[in-house]
Amino acid sequence: MTFDGGPSGDPNQFGTEAFYAALGRAFVAMCAVVPVLFLVEALDVWLGAGFDPAAGIIPKRIDGLDGVFFSPFLHHGFDHLYSNSVPLILLGTFVLAAGVRRFLWSTLVIILVSGLGVWFTGSSNSIVVGASGVIFGYLGLLLTRGVVERTWWNFAVVLLVGLLYGWQLVGILPTDERISWQGHLFGLVGGVLAAVLFRRRPGVDADYPLTTP
């Protein structure tokens, strides 16, 4: 008697048991990320730690360059974090379900492109924090992945994402509001780049779907 230790089927093929299992595990994993962000914000607010000026992106200043990596974990208050939590979980779930390796590399590319874009083009009098650049990156990645990989599953994700968050694409345009449209724009660009760089090549690439021992 044999036992494979997990659901049967290809986790990247829509409708298989492994597919739904990978999607469920990705959702749980992304839900676990948000409490960490709330903990960071709580420490910043309640202890007056001053994380935003210390670790946010300060455009065109060398001492603000480290914020490229740290700023996605920081927010301007709990309202800002609340508004980012749901889209981060939803979009991140779809990205993570396609494989851990692709998720990690794609997220790194998005953070770098979005953060450096803000650092080069933003106002030197501002401090930029928040996960919205990553969210727009995931949006761009999913939209582009449906095109470059030409799978029915990815096209279905594109349709769902478009219906839920397509209107947010206006966030890449300059505005008078105190939001970093540069972070949104370059995050979207980073997502498109990641989708092309880490696209799945049938019969060639192998990925690491989110699995348990």
N, C-alpha and C. Protein backbone atom coordinates (compact mmCIF):
# COMPACT_ATOMS: atom_id res chain seq x y z
N MET A 1 0.85 -1.18 0.00
CA MET A 1 0.00 0.00 0.00
C MET A 1 0.89 1.24 0.00
N THR A 2 0.53 2.23 -0.79
CA THR A 2 1.32 3.46 -0.87
C THR A 2 0.46 4.64 -0.44
N PHE A 3 1.16 5.68 0.00
CA PHE A 3 0.47 6.90 0.42
C PHE A 3 1.32 8.07 0.00
N ASP A 4 0.75 8.99 -0.81
CA ASP A 4 1.55 10.08 -1.36
C ASP A 4 1.69 11.25 -0.42
N GLY A 5 0.97 11.25 0.69
CA GLY A 5 1.14 12.30 1.70
C GLY A 5 0.47 13.61 1.38
N GLY A 6 -0.33 13.67 0.33
CA GLY A 6 -0.99 14.93 0.02
C GLY A 6 -2.04 14.75 -1.05
N PRO A 7 -2.77 15.82 -1.40
CA PRO A 7 -3.81 15.76 -2.41
C PRO A 7 -3.25 15.37 -3.76
N SER A 8 -4.08 14.71 -4.55
CA SER A 8 -3.65 14.26 -5.87
C SER A 8 -3.82 15.35 -6.91
N GLY A 9 -3.05 15.24 -8.00
CA GLY A 9 -3.19 16.17 -9.11
C GLY A 9 -2.12 17.24 -9.11
N ASP A 10 -2.15 18.06 -10.16
CA ASP A 10 -1.20 19.15 -10.33
C ASP A 10 -1.73 20.38 -9.60
N PRO A 11 -0.99 20.93 -8.64
CA PRO A 11 -1.46 22.10 -7.90
C PRO A 11 -1.61 23.34 -8.76
N ASN A 12 -1.04 23.32 -9.97
CA ASN A 12 -1.17 24.46 -10.88
C ASN A 12 -2.27 24.26 -11.92
N GLN A 13 -2.99 23.15 -11.83
CA GLN A 13 -4.06 22.87 -12.78
C GLN A 13 -5.41 23.10 -12.10
N PHE A 14 -6.19 24.00 -12.66
CA PHE A 14 -7.48 24.35 -12.07
C PHE A 14 -8.38 23.12 -11.94
N GLY A 15 -9.03 23.00 -10.78
CA GLY A 15 -10.01 21.95 -10.58
C GLY A 15 -9.49 20.71 -9.89
N THR A 16 -8.18 20.56 -9.77
CA THR A 16 -7.64 19.38 -9.11
C THR A 16 -7.69 19.56 -7.60
N GLU A 17 -7.63 18.43 -6.88
CA GLU A 17 -7.63 18.49 -5.43
C GLU A 17 -6.41 19.25 -4.92
N ALA A 18 -5.26 19.01 -5.56
CA ALA A 18 -4.03 19.69 -5.16
C ALA A 18 -4.13 21.20 -5.38
N PHE A 19 -4.82 21.60 -6.43
CA PHE A 19 -5.00 23.02 -6.73
C PHE A 19 -5.74 23.72 -5.59
N TYR A 20 -6.87 23.15 -5.18
CA TYR A 20 -7.65 23.77 -4.11
C TYR A 20 -6.91 23.73 -2.79
N ALA A 21 -6.13 22.66 -2.56
CA ALA A 21 -5.34 22.58 -1.33
C ALA A 21 -4.27 23.67 -1.31
N ALA A 22 -3.59 23.88 -2.44
CA ALA A 22 -2.56 24.92 -2.53
C ALA A 22 -3.17 26.31 -2.34
N LEU A 23 -4.34 26.52 -2.91
CA LEU A 23 -5.01 27.81 -2.77
C LEU A 23 -5.39 28.07 -1.31
N GLY A 24 -5.89 27.01 -0.64
CA GLY A 24 -6.27 27.16 0.76
C GLY A 24 -5.07 27.45 1.65
N ARG A 25 -3.97 26.74 1.42
CA ARG A 25 -2.78 26.96 2.22
C ARG A 25 -2.20 28.35 1.97
N ALA A 26 -2.28 28.81 0.72
CA ALA A 26 -1.79 30.15 0.40
C ALA A 26 -2.62 31.21 1.12
N PHE A 27 -3.93 30.99 1.19
CA PHE A 27 -4.81 31.94 1.89
C PHE A 27 -4.47 32.01 3.37
N VAL A 28 -4.26 30.84 3.99
CA VAL A 28 -3.90 30.81 5.42
C VAL A 28 -2.57 31.52 5.64
N ALA A 29 -1.60 31.28 4.75
CA ALA A 29 -0.29 31.90 4.89
C ALA A 29 -0.38 33.42 4.78
N MET A 30 -1.16 33.93 3.82
CA MET A 30 -1.30 35.37 3.67
C MET A 30 -2.05 35.99 4.85
N CYS A 31 -3.02 35.25 5.40
CA CYS A 31 -3.73 35.74 6.58
C CYS A 31 -2.79 35.86 7.77
N ALA A 32 -1.75 35.02 7.80
CA ALA A 32 -0.78 35.06 8.90
C ALA A 32 0.16 36.25 8.77
N VAL A 33 0.29 36.80 7.56
CA VAL A 33 1.19 37.93 7.35
C VAL A 33 0.61 39.21 7.97
N VAL A 34 -0.70 39.39 7.84
CA VAL A 34 -1.33 40.64 8.27
C VAL A 34 -1.17 40.89 9.78
N PRO A 35 -1.36 39.90 10.66
CA PRO A 35 -1.12 40.17 12.09
C PRO A 35 0.29 40.65 12.38
N VAL A 36 1.26 40.19 11.61
CA VAL A 36 2.63 40.66 11.79
C VAL A 36 2.71 42.16 11.49
N LEU A 37 2.03 42.59 10.41
CA LEU A 37 2.01 44.01 10.07
C LEU A 37 1.31 44.83 11.15
N PHE A 38 0.24 44.27 11.73
CA PHE A 38 -0.46 44.96 12.80
C PHE A 38 0.42 45.05 14.05
N LEU A 39 1.20 44.01 14.31
CA LEU A 39 2.11 44.05 15.46
C LEU A 39 3.16 45.13 15.28
N VAL A 40 3.71 45.23 14.08
CA VAL A 40 4.71 46.27 13.80
C VAL A 40 4.09 47.65 13.99
N GLU A 41 2.87 47.85 13.48
CA GLU A 41 2.21 49.15 13.61
C GLU A 41 1.87 49.45 15.06
N ALA A 42 1.47 48.43 15.81
CA ALA A 42 1.15 48.63 17.23
C ALA A 42 2.39 49.06 18.00
N LEU A 43 3.52 48.43 17.73
CA LEU A 43 4.76 48.82 18.40
C LEU A 43 5.12 50.27 18.06
N ASP A 44 4.89 50.63 16.80
CA ASP A 44 5.23 51.99 16.36
C ASP A 44 4.33 53.02 17.02
N VAL A 45 3.02 52.73 17.08
CA VAL A 45 2.05 53.70 17.61
C VAL A 45 2.09 53.75 19.13
N TRP A 46 2.00 52.62 19.76
CA TRP A 46 1.87 52.58 21.22
C TRP A 46 3.17 52.87 21.94
N LEU A 47 4.29 52.49 21.34
CA LEU A 47 5.58 52.73 21.99
C LEU A 47 6.28 53.98 21.47
N GLY A 48 5.68 54.60 20.43
CA GLY A 48 6.30 55.77 19.85
C GLY A 48 7.68 55.49 19.31
N ALA A 49 7.81 54.33 18.63
CA ALA A 49 9.12 53.88 18.16
C ALA A 49 9.66 54.70 17.01
N GLY A 50 8.79 55.41 16.29
CA GLY A 50 9.26 56.23 15.18
C GLY A 50 9.80 55.43 14.01
N PHE A 51 9.11 54.32 13.69
CA PHE A 51 9.57 53.47 12.59
C PHE A 51 9.51 54.18 11.24
N ASP A 52 8.47 54.99 11.03
CA ASP A 52 8.26 55.59 9.70
C ASP A 52 9.45 56.46 9.27
N PRO A 53 9.85 57.45 10.08
CA PRO A 53 11.01 58.26 9.64
C PRO A 53 12.32 57.49 9.66
N ALA A 54 12.41 56.46 10.48
CA ALA A 54 13.66 55.71 10.58
C ALA A 54 13.82 54.69 9.47
N ALA A 55 12.70 54.10 9.00
CA ALA A 55 12.80 53.00 8.04
C ALA A 55 11.91 53.19 6.81
N GLY A 56 11.29 54.36 6.66
CA GLY A 56 10.52 54.63 5.45
C GLY A 56 11.43 55.10 4.33
N ILE A 57 10.86 55.17 3.13
CA ILE A 57 11.62 55.67 1.97
C ILE A 57 11.64 57.20 2.02
N ILE A 58 12.82 57.78 2.02
CA ILE A 58 12.96 59.24 1.89
C ILE A 58 13.61 59.48 0.54
N PRO A 59 12.83 59.87 -0.46
CA PRO A 59 13.35 59.99 -1.83
C PRO A 59 14.57 60.89 -1.94
N LYS A 60 15.50 60.43 -2.79
CA LYS A 60 16.69 61.20 -3.16
C LYS A 60 17.67 61.42 -2.01
N ARG A 61 17.47 60.72 -0.90
CA ARG A 61 18.40 60.82 0.23
C ARG A 61 18.97 59.45 0.54
N ILE A 62 20.28 59.38 0.69
CA ILE A 62 20.95 58.11 0.94
C ILE A 62 20.45 57.47 2.23
N ASP A 63 20.20 58.29 3.26
CA ASP A 63 19.75 57.73 4.53
C ASP A 63 18.31 57.23 4.46
N GLY A 64 17.63 57.48 3.34
CA GLY A 64 16.28 56.95 3.18
C GLY A 64 16.19 55.80 2.21
N LEU A 65 17.37 55.34 1.74
CA LEU A 65 17.39 54.27 0.74
C LEU A 65 17.05 52.91 1.34
N ASP A 66 17.37 52.71 2.63
CA ASP A 66 17.05 51.42 3.25
C ASP A 66 15.55 51.19 3.35
N GLY A 67 14.78 52.26 3.23
CA GLY A 67 13.33 52.13 3.26
C GLY A 67 12.77 51.35 2.09
N VAL A 68 13.56 51.18 1.03
CA VAL A 68 13.12 50.36 -0.10
C VAL A 68 12.72 48.98 0.38
N PHE A 69 13.44 48.42 1.34
CA PHE A 69 13.16 47.09 1.85
C PHE A 69 12.19 47.10 3.04
N PHE A 70 12.27 48.14 3.87
CA PHE A 70 11.49 48.14 5.10
C PHE A 70 10.11 48.79 4.98
N SER A 71 9.95 49.72 4.05
CA SER A 71 8.70 50.49 3.97
C SER A 71 7.44 49.65 3.74
N PRO A 72 7.49 48.51 3.00
CA PRO A 72 6.25 47.74 2.82
C PRO A 72 5.68 47.18 4.13
N PHE A 73 6.49 47.13 5.18
CA PHE A 73 6.04 46.59 6.46
C PHE A 73 5.53 47.68 7.40
N LEU A 74 5.58 48.94 6.96
CA LEU A 74 5.18 50.07 7.79
C LEU A 74 3.97 50.77 7.20
N HIS A 75 3.19 51.45 8.06
CA HIS A 75 2.00 52.16 7.58
C HIS A 75 1.78 53.43 8.40
N HIS A 76 1.06 54.38 7.78
CA HIS A 76 0.71 55.63 8.45
C HIS A 76 -0.55 55.41 9.28
N GLY A 77 -0.47 54.67 10.34
CA GLY A 77 -1.63 54.45 11.20
C GLY A 77 -2.42 53.20 10.82
N PHE A 78 -3.34 52.85 11.71
CA PHE A 78 -4.12 51.62 11.52
C PHE A 78 -5.11 51.73 10.36
N ASP A 79 -5.64 52.93 10.10
CA ASP A 79 -6.57 53.08 8.97
C ASP A 79 -5.87 52.74 7.65
N HIS A 80 -4.63 53.20 7.52
CA HIS A 80 -3.85 52.90 6.32
C HIS A 80 -3.63 51.39 6.20
N LEU A 81 -3.33 50.74 7.31
CA LEU A 81 -3.10 49.30 7.30
C LEU A 81 -4.37 48.53 7.01
N TYR A 82 -5.50 48.96 7.59
CA TYR A 82 -6.78 48.31 7.32
C TYR A 82 -7.09 48.32 5.82
N SER A 83 -6.87 49.45 5.18
CA SER A 83 -7.22 49.58 3.76
C SER A 83 -6.35 48.69 2.88
N ASN A 84 -5.15 48.35 3.35
CA ASN A 84 -4.26 47.50 2.55
C ASN A 84 -4.42 46.01 2.85
N SER A 85 -5.01 45.68 3.98
CA SER A 85 -5.01 44.28 4.43
C SER A 85 -5.78 43.35 3.50
N VAL A 86 -7.01 43.70 3.16
CA VAL A 86 -7.83 42.79 2.35
C VAL A 86 -7.25 42.56 0.95
N PRO A 87 -6.91 43.62 0.20
CA PRO A 87 -6.31 43.37 -1.13
C PRO A 87 -4.98 42.63 -1.05
N LEU A 88 -4.21 42.86 0.02
CA LEU A 88 -2.94 42.15 0.17
C LEU A 88 -3.18 40.65 0.35
N ILE A 89 -4.17 40.29 1.17
CA ILE A 89 -4.49 38.88 1.39
C ILE A 89 -5.02 38.24 0.12
N LEU A 90 -5.96 38.90 -0.53
CA LEU A 90 -6.60 38.32 -1.70
C LEU A 90 -5.62 38.15 -2.86
N LEU A 91 -4.96 39.22 -3.24
CA LEU A 91 -4.04 39.14 -4.37
C LEU A 91 -2.82 38.27 -4.04
N GLY A 92 -2.33 38.40 -2.81
CA GLY A 92 -1.20 37.59 -2.40
C GLY A 92 -1.51 36.10 -2.42
N THR A 93 -2.75 35.74 -2.10
CA THR A 93 -3.15 34.32 -2.13
C THR A 93 -3.00 33.74 -3.52
N PHE A 94 -3.48 34.45 -4.53
CA PHE A 94 -3.39 33.96 -5.91
C PHE A 94 -1.94 33.86 -6.37
N VAL A 95 -1.12 34.82 -5.95
CA VAL A 95 0.29 34.80 -6.35
C VAL A 95 1.02 33.65 -5.66
N LEU A 96 0.80 33.48 -4.37
CA LEU A 96 1.48 32.44 -3.60
C LEU A 96 1.05 31.04 -4.00
N ALA A 97 -0.23 30.88 -4.37
CA ALA A 97 -0.73 29.55 -4.73
C ALA A 97 -0.02 28.97 -5.94
N ALA A 98 0.57 29.81 -6.76
CA ALA A 98 1.27 29.34 -7.96
C ALA A 98 2.67 28.81 -7.66
N GLY A 99 3.12 28.94 -6.42
CA GLY A 99 4.43 28.40 -6.06
C GLY A 99 5.20 29.32 -5.15
N VAL A 100 5.85 28.75 -4.16
CA VAL A 100 6.57 29.54 -3.16
C VAL A 100 7.76 30.27 -3.79
N ARG A 101 8.52 29.56 -4.60
CA ARG A 101 9.72 30.17 -5.19
C ARG A 101 9.34 31.37 -6.05
N ARG A 102 8.37 31.20 -6.92
CA ARG A 102 7.96 32.32 -7.77
C ARG A 102 7.41 33.47 -6.93
N PHE A 103 6.69 33.14 -5.87
CA PHE A 103 6.14 34.18 -5.00
C PHE A 103 7.25 35.01 -4.36
N LEU A 104 8.26 34.34 -3.82
CA LEU A 104 9.33 35.05 -3.13
C LEU A 104 10.14 35.92 -4.09
N TRP A 105 10.53 35.36 -5.23
CA TRP A 105 11.31 36.13 -6.19
C TRP A 105 10.48 37.27 -6.78
N SER A 106 9.21 37.01 -7.06
CA SER A 106 8.34 38.06 -7.62
C SER A 106 8.17 39.20 -6.63
N THR A 107 7.95 38.86 -5.35
CA THR A 107 7.78 39.88 -4.33
C THR A 107 9.04 40.72 -4.19
N LEU A 108 10.20 40.08 -4.25
CA LEU A 108 11.46 40.82 -4.15
C LEU A 108 11.62 41.80 -5.31
N VAL A 109 11.31 41.35 -6.53
CA VAL A 109 11.40 42.23 -7.70
C VAL A 109 10.44 43.41 -7.55
N ILE A 110 9.22 43.13 -7.11
CA ILE A 110 8.22 44.19 -6.94
C ILE A 110 8.68 45.21 -5.91
N ILE A 111 9.20 44.74 -4.78
CA ILE A 111 9.68 45.65 -3.73
C ILE A 111 10.82 46.52 -4.25
N LEU A 112 11.74 45.92 -4.98
CA LEU A 112 12.88 46.68 -5.50
C LEU A 112 12.45 47.72 -6.53
N VAL A 113 11.64 47.30 -7.50
CA VAL A 113 11.22 48.23 -8.56
C VAL A 113 10.36 49.35 -7.99
N SER A 114 9.41 48.99 -7.14
CA SER A 114 8.53 50.00 -6.55
C SER A 114 9.31 50.95 -5.66
N GLY A 115 10.14 50.39 -4.77
CA GLY A 115 10.89 51.22 -3.83
C GLY A 115 11.90 52.13 -4.50
N LEU A 116 12.66 51.59 -5.45
CA LEU A 116 13.64 52.41 -6.14
C LEU A 116 12.96 53.46 -7.01
N GLY A 117 11.82 53.10 -7.60
CA GLY A 117 11.08 54.07 -8.38
C GLY A 117 10.64 55.25 -7.54
N VAL A 118 10.17 54.97 -6.33
CA VAL A 118 9.78 56.04 -5.40
C VAL A 118 10.99 56.86 -4.98
N TRP A 119 12.10 56.19 -4.70
CA TRP A 119 13.29 56.88 -4.23
C TRP A 119 13.84 57.85 -5.29
N PHE A 120 13.79 57.44 -6.54
CA PHE A 120 14.32 58.29 -7.62
C PHE A 120 13.36 59.41 -8.01
N THR A 121 12.05 59.18 -7.92
CA THR A 121 11.10 60.15 -8.49
C THR A 121 10.25 60.87 -7.45
N GLY A 122 10.23 60.41 -6.21
CA GLY A 122 9.39 61.02 -5.19
C GLY A 122 9.93 62.34 -4.69
N SER A 123 9.14 63.01 -3.86
CA SER A 123 9.55 64.28 -3.27
C SER A 123 10.49 64.03 -2.10
N SER A 124 11.59 64.77 -2.05
CA SER A 124 12.57 64.60 -0.98
C SER A 124 12.05 65.08 0.36
N ASN A 125 10.91 65.76 0.36
CA ASN A 125 10.29 66.23 1.61
C ASN A 125 9.27 65.25 2.17
N SER A 126 9.18 64.06 1.58
CA SER A 126 8.18 63.09 1.99
C SER A 126 8.83 61.84 2.58
N ILE A 127 8.03 61.11 3.34
CA ILE A 127 8.42 59.79 3.84
C ILE A 127 7.35 58.82 3.37
N VAL A 128 7.76 57.81 2.61
CA VAL A 128 6.81 56.90 1.98
C VAL A 128 6.86 55.54 2.66
N VAL A 129 5.70 55.08 3.14
CA VAL A 129 5.59 53.76 3.74
C VAL A 129 4.30 53.11 3.25
N GLY A 130 4.20 51.80 3.43
CA GLY A 130 2.97 51.10 3.09
C GLY A 130 3.18 49.97 2.11
N ALA A 131 2.24 49.03 2.12
CA ALA A 131 2.31 47.85 1.26
C ALA A 131 1.59 48.03 -0.06
N SER A 132 1.11 49.24 -0.36
CA SER A 132 0.33 49.44 -1.58
C SER A 132 1.15 49.20 -2.84
N GLY A 133 2.46 49.48 -2.79
CA GLY A 133 3.30 49.19 -3.95
C GLY A 133 3.34 47.71 -4.25
N VAL A 134 3.41 46.89 -3.19
CA VAL A 134 3.39 45.44 -3.36
C VAL A 134 2.03 44.98 -3.88
N ILE A 135 0.96 45.58 -3.37
CA ILE A 135 -0.39 45.23 -3.82
C ILE A 135 -0.55 45.51 -5.31
N PHE A 136 -0.13 46.69 -5.76
CA PHE A 136 -0.21 47.01 -7.18
C PHE A 136 0.71 46.10 -7.99
N GLY A 137 1.83 45.69 -7.37
CA GLY A 137 2.71 44.74 -8.04
C GLY A 137 2.05 43.40 -8.26
N TYR A 138 1.34 42.90 -7.24
CA TYR A 138 0.62 41.64 -7.39
C TYR A 138 -0.48 41.77 -8.44
N LEU A 139 -1.12 42.94 -8.47
CA LEU A 139 -2.16 43.17 -9.47
C LEU A 139 -1.58 43.11 -10.87
N GLY A 140 -0.45 43.80 -11.09
CA GLY A 140 0.20 43.77 -12.40
C GLY A 140 0.70 42.40 -12.75
N LEU A 141 1.20 41.66 -11.75
CA LEU A 141 1.69 40.31 -12.00
C LEU A 141 0.57 39.39 -12.47
N LEU A 142 -0.56 39.42 -11.78
CA LEU A 142 -1.67 38.52 -12.12
C LEU A 142 -2.26 38.87 -13.49
N LEU A 143 -2.39 40.16 -13.76
CA LEU A 143 -2.92 40.58 -15.06
C LEU A 143 -1.99 40.14 -16.19
N THR A 144 -0.69 40.30 -15.99
CA THR A 144 0.28 39.94 -17.03
C THR A 144 0.43 38.43 -17.15
N ARG A 145 0.40 37.73 -16.03
CA ARG A 145 0.55 36.27 -16.06
C ARG A 145 -0.53 35.61 -16.89
N GLY A 146 -1.75 36.14 -16.83
CA GLY A 146 -2.82 35.56 -17.63
C GLY A 146 -2.55 35.65 -19.12
N VAL A 147 -1.78 36.67 -19.52
CA VAL A 147 -1.45 36.86 -20.93
C VAL A 147 -0.24 36.01 -21.34
N VAL A 148 0.84 36.08 -20.56
CA VAL A 148 2.09 35.44 -20.97
C VAL A 148 2.05 33.92 -20.81
N GLU A 149 1.24 33.41 -19.87
CA GLU A 149 1.18 31.96 -19.67
C GLU A 149 0.01 31.31 -20.40
N ARG A 150 -0.95 32.11 -20.83
CA ARG A 150 -2.05 31.65 -21.68
C ARG A 150 -2.76 30.41 -21.13
N THR A 151 -3.16 30.51 -19.88
CA THR A 151 -3.91 29.42 -19.27
C THR A 151 -5.29 29.92 -18.87
N TRP A 152 -6.29 29.01 -18.93
CA TRP A 152 -7.65 29.39 -18.57
C TRP A 152 -7.72 29.84 -17.12
N TRP A 153 -6.93 29.17 -16.25
CA TRP A 153 -6.95 29.54 -14.84
C TRP A 153 -6.47 30.96 -14.65
N ASN A 154 -5.38 31.33 -15.29
CA ASN A 154 -4.87 32.68 -15.14
C ASN A 154 -5.81 33.72 -15.74
N PHE A 155 -6.46 33.37 -16.85
CA PHE A 155 -7.43 34.31 -17.41
C PHE A 155 -8.62 34.50 -16.46
N ALA A 156 -9.00 33.43 -15.75
CA ALA A 156 -10.09 33.55 -14.77
C ALA A 156 -9.67 34.46 -13.62
N VAL A 157 -8.42 34.34 -13.18
CA VAL A 157 -7.90 35.22 -12.13
C VAL A 157 -7.89 36.66 -12.61
N VAL A 158 -7.47 36.86 -13.86
CA VAL A 158 -7.46 38.21 -14.43
C VAL A 158 -8.86 38.82 -14.39
N LEU A 159 -9.87 38.02 -14.77
CA LEU A 159 -11.24 38.52 -14.77
C LEU A 159 -11.69 38.89 -13.37
N LEU A 160 -11.41 38.00 -12.39
CA LEU A 160 -11.81 38.27 -11.02
C LEU A 160 -11.10 39.51 -10.47
N VAL A 161 -9.80 39.56 -10.67
CA VAL A 161 -9.02 40.69 -10.18
C VAL A 161 -9.47 41.99 -10.84
N GLY A 162 -9.75 41.91 -12.14
CA GLY A 162 -10.20 43.09 -12.85
C GLY A 162 -11.52 43.62 -12.32
N LEU A 163 -12.44 42.70 -12.00
CA LEU A 163 -13.75 43.10 -11.47
C LEU A 163 -13.63 43.71 -10.08
N LEU A 164 -12.72 43.15 -9.26
CA LEU A 164 -12.60 43.60 -7.88
C LEU A 164 -11.73 44.84 -7.73
N TYR A 165 -10.62 44.88 -8.50
CA TYR A 165 -9.63 45.92 -8.25
C TYR A 165 -9.19 46.68 -9.49
N GLY A 166 -9.84 46.44 -10.62
CA GLY A 166 -9.46 47.16 -11.83
C GLY A 166 -9.56 48.66 -11.67
N TRP A 167 -10.55 49.11 -10.88
CA TRP A 167 -10.73 50.55 -10.68
C TRP A 167 -9.55 51.19 -9.96
N GLN A 168 -8.78 50.38 -9.22
CA GLN A 168 -7.66 50.95 -8.49
C GLN A 168 -6.50 51.36 -9.40
N LEU A 169 -6.58 50.99 -10.67
CA LEU A 169 -5.51 51.35 -11.59
C LEU A 169 -5.37 52.86 -11.73
N VAL A 170 -6.44 53.61 -11.38
CA VAL A 170 -6.33 55.07 -11.42
C VAL A 170 -5.31 55.55 -10.39
N GLY A 171 -4.95 54.68 -9.42
CA GLY A 171 -3.99 55.05 -8.41
C GLY A 171 -2.57 55.22 -8.93
N ILE A 172 -2.34 54.86 -10.20
CA ILE A 172 -1.01 55.05 -10.77
C ILE A 172 -0.85 56.43 -11.39
N LEU A 173 -1.93 57.23 -11.37
CA LEU A 173 -1.89 58.57 -11.95
C LEU A 173 -1.58 59.61 -10.87
N PRO A 174 -0.89 60.69 -11.25
CA PRO A 174 -0.59 61.75 -10.27
C PRO A 174 -1.87 62.29 -9.66
N THR A 175 -1.82 62.62 -8.38
CA THR A 175 -3.00 63.11 -7.67
C THR A 175 -2.57 64.12 -6.61
N ASP A 176 -3.53 64.93 -6.15
CA ASP A 176 -3.25 65.89 -5.09
C ASP A 176 -3.32 65.25 -3.72
N GLU A 177 -3.86 64.03 -3.63
CA GLU A 177 -3.97 63.36 -2.35
C GLU A 177 -2.58 62.94 -1.85
N ARG A 178 -2.50 62.73 -0.54
CA ARG A 178 -1.21 62.37 0.06
C ARG A 178 -0.97 60.86 -0.05
N ILE A 179 -0.88 60.40 -1.28
CA ILE A 179 -0.56 59.00 -1.55
C ILE A 179 0.59 58.97 -2.55
N SER A 180 1.35 57.89 -2.49
CA SER A 180 2.49 57.78 -3.40
C SER A 180 2.05 57.09 -4.69
N TRP A 181 1.61 57.90 -5.65
CA TRP A 181 1.21 57.30 -6.93
C TRP A 181 2.43 56.69 -7.61
N GLN A 182 3.63 57.21 -7.30
CA GLN A 182 4.85 56.62 -7.87
C GLN A 182 5.03 55.17 -7.40
N GLY A 183 4.74 54.93 -6.11
CA GLY A 183 4.83 53.58 -5.59
C GLY A 183 3.86 52.65 -6.27
N HIS A 184 2.65 53.14 -6.54
CA HIS A 184 1.65 52.33 -7.25
C HIS A 184 2.10 52.03 -8.67
N LEU A 185 2.56 53.07 -9.36
CA LEU A 185 2.96 52.92 -10.76
C LEU A 185 4.14 51.96 -10.89
N PHE A 186 5.19 52.19 -10.11
CA PHE A 186 6.37 51.34 -10.22
C PHE A 186 6.13 49.95 -9.64
N GLY A 187 5.21 49.84 -8.69
CA GLY A 187 4.82 48.52 -8.21
C GLY A 187 4.17 47.72 -9.32
N LEU A 188 3.27 48.37 -10.07
CA LEU A 188 2.61 47.71 -11.20
C LEU A 188 3.65 47.28 -12.25
N VAL A 189 4.61 48.16 -12.52
CA VAL A 189 5.68 47.83 -13.47
C VAL A 189 6.49 46.64 -12.97
N GLY A 190 6.79 46.63 -11.67
CA GLY A 190 7.53 45.51 -11.10
C GLY A 190 6.77 44.20 -11.22
N GLY A 191 5.45 44.25 -11.04
CA GLY A 191 4.64 43.05 -11.19
C GLY A 191 4.64 42.53 -12.62
N VAL A 192 4.56 43.42 -13.58
CA VAL A 192 4.62 43.01 -14.99
C VAL A 192 5.97 42.38 -15.28
N LEU A 193 7.03 42.99 -14.79
CA LEU A 193 8.37 42.46 -15.01
C LEU A 193 8.52 41.08 -14.36
N ALA A 194 8.03 40.92 -13.15
CA ALA A 194 8.13 39.64 -12.45
C ALA A 194 7.35 38.55 -13.18
N ALA A 195 6.18 38.89 -13.73
CA ALA A 195 5.38 37.90 -14.45
C ALA A 195 6.11 37.40 -15.68
N VAL A 196 6.85 38.27 -16.34
CA VAL A 196 7.61 37.88 -17.53
C VAL A 196 8.86 37.08 -17.14
N LEU A 197 9.58 37.57 -16.13
CA LEU A 197 10.82 36.91 -15.72
C LEU A 197 10.59 35.51 -15.17
N PHE A 198 9.52 35.36 -14.38
CA PHE A 198 9.29 34.10 -13.69
C PHE A 198 8.07 33.37 -14.24
N ARG A 199 7.82 33.52 -15.53
CA ARG A 199 6.69 32.83 -16.14
C ARG A 199 6.95 31.33 -16.20
N ARG A 200 5.90 30.57 -16.15
CA ARG A 200 6.01 29.12 -16.20
C ARG A 200 6.16 28.66 -17.64
N ARG A 201 7.14 27.83 -17.89
CA ARG A 201 7.36 27.27 -19.21
C ARG A 201 6.99 25.78 -19.16
N PRO A 202 5.87 25.40 -19.77
CA PRO A 202 5.41 24.03 -19.69
C PRO A 202 6.47 23.03 -20.13
N GLY A 203 6.70 22.03 -19.29
CA GLY A 203 7.66 20.99 -19.62
C GLY A 203 9.09 21.35 -19.35
N VAL A 204 9.33 22.61 -18.87
CA VAL A 204 10.70 23.05 -18.62
C VAL A 204 10.90 23.40 -17.17
N ASP A 205 10.07 24.31 -16.67
CA ASP A 205 10.24 24.80 -15.30
C ASP A 205 9.53 23.92 -14.30
N ALA A 206 10.11 23.83 -13.13
CA ALA A 206 9.45 23.21 -11.99
C ALA A 206 9.40 24.24 -10.88
N ASP A 207 8.32 24.26 -10.16
CA ASP A 207 8.16 25.21 -9.09
C ASP A 207 7.93 24.44 -7.80
N TYR A 208 7.83 25.19 -6.73
CA TYR A 208 7.60 24.57 -5.42
C TYR A 208 6.24 25.02 -4.92
N PRO A 209 5.19 24.28 -5.21
CA PRO A 209 3.87 24.65 -4.72
C PRO A 209 3.83 24.62 -3.21
N LEU A 210 2.92 25.39 -2.64
CA LEU A 210 2.82 25.49 -1.19
C LEU A 210 2.30 24.16 -0.64
N THR A 211 3.16 23.39 -0.02
CA THR A 211 2.79 22.07 0.47
C THR A 211 3.19 21.91 1.92
N THR A 212 2.66 20.87 2.53
CA THR A 212 3.02 20.53 3.91
C THR A 212 3.72 19.19 3.90
N PRO A 213 4.58 18.92 4.88
CA PRO A 213 5.28 17.64 4.93
C PRO A 213 4.31 16.48 5.04
